[in-house]
Protein backbone atom coordinates (compact mmCIF):
# COMPACT_ATOMS: atom_id res chain seq x y z
CA MET A 1 -0.23 -0.27 -0.06
CA LEU A 2 2.77 2.46 0.85
CA TYR A 3 4.17 1.87 -2.80
CA TYR A 4 0.71 2.34 -4.15
CA ALA A 5 0.59 5.93 -1.96
CA LEU A 6 3.99 7.10 -3.16
CA LEU A 7 3.08 6.35 -6.68
CA THR A 8 -0.65 7.96 -6.89
CA SER A 9 1.35 11.03 -4.84
CA SER A 10 4.39 11.48 -7.22
CA LEU A 11 1.65 11.32 -10.37
CA ASN A 12 3.51 7.85 -10.84
CA GLU A 13 6.73 8.50 -11.83
CA ILE A 14 8.99 6.97 -9.35
CA GLY A 15 9.68 3.64 -9.29
CA PRO A 16 12.33 1.07 -8.44
CA VAL A 17 15.44 1.72 -10.29
CA ASN A 18 18.20 -1.39 -8.94
CA GLU A 19 17.57 -4.88 -8.06
CA ILE A 20 17.58 -3.68 -4.46
CA GLU A 21 14.65 -1.26 -4.57
CA MET A 22 13.04 -4.21 -6.86
CA ILE A 23 13.40 -6.37 -4.31
CA PHE A 24 12.42 -3.93 -1.24
CA THR A 25 9.03 -3.39 -3.64
CA ILE A 26 8.90 -6.94 -3.73
CA ILE A 27 8.80 -7.77 -0.15
CA LEU A 28 6.93 -4.01 0.21
CA LEU A 29 3.58 -5.52 -1.66
CA LEU A 30 3.76 -8.73 -0.80
CA ILE A 31 3.30 -7.77 3.01
CA SER A 32 0.97 -5.20 1.74
CA SER A 33 -1.16 -8.15 0.36
CA VAL A 34 -1.17 -10.08 3.58
CA VAL A 35 -2.21 -7.75 5.51
CA ASN A 36 -4.99 -6.19 3.39
CA ALA A 37 -5.97 -10.60 3.18
CA LEU A 38 -6.59 -10.21 6.82
CA ILE A 39 -8.18 -6.66 7.42
CA PHE A 40 -10.87 -8.03 4.54
CA SER A 41 -11.28 -11.51 6.95
CA GLU A 42 -11.57 -9.81 9.89
CA ILE A 43 -14.54 -7.49 8.65
CA SER A 44 -15.89 -10.30 6.81
CA LEU A 45 -15.96 -12.41 10.15
CA LEU A 46 -17.29 -9.64 11.90
CA ILE A 47 -20.35 -9.17 9.32
CA THR A 48 -21.07 -12.65 9.69
CA THR A 49 -20.47 -13.11 13.46
CA ILE A 50 -23.30 -9.88 14.10
CA SER A 51 -26.25 -11.53 11.55
CA GLN A 52 -25.94 -14.46 13.19
CA ARG A 53 -26.37 -12.88 16.64
CA ASP A 54 -29.60 -11.21 14.66
CA GLN A 55 -30.83 -13.74 13.69
CA VAL A 56 -30.68 -15.48 17.23
CA SER A 57 -32.90 -12.27 18.69
CA GLN A 58 -35.03 -12.57 16.00
CA GLN A 59 -35.53 -16.07 16.48
CA GLN A 60 -36.56 -15.68 20.19
CA LEU A 61 -38.67 -12.74 19.11
CA ASP A 62 -40.77 -15.02 16.56
CA ASP A 63 -41.12 -17.89 19.31
CA ALA A 64 -41.80 -15.43 22.11
CA ASN A 65 -44.76 -14.01 20.04
CA THR A 66 -45.71 -17.89 19.07
CA VAL A 67 -45.69 -18.43 22.38
CA MET A 68 -47.79 -15.06 23.10
CA ASP A 69 -50.38 -15.84 20.10
């Protein structure tokens, strides 16, 4: 993400020139893609947990309404 931020802010005119810079950029891109994957997986896990809790509470309300009827 840092690499893309630098490219965006400098109008895509900079880039790795020698081998060390290319290796650093590749490592940075790999690490940022892993971090992105972890963040999106945590978000999807939170959404799933919230929807399961909503289903449980809705089922309890439906059971209470059935008993009251």
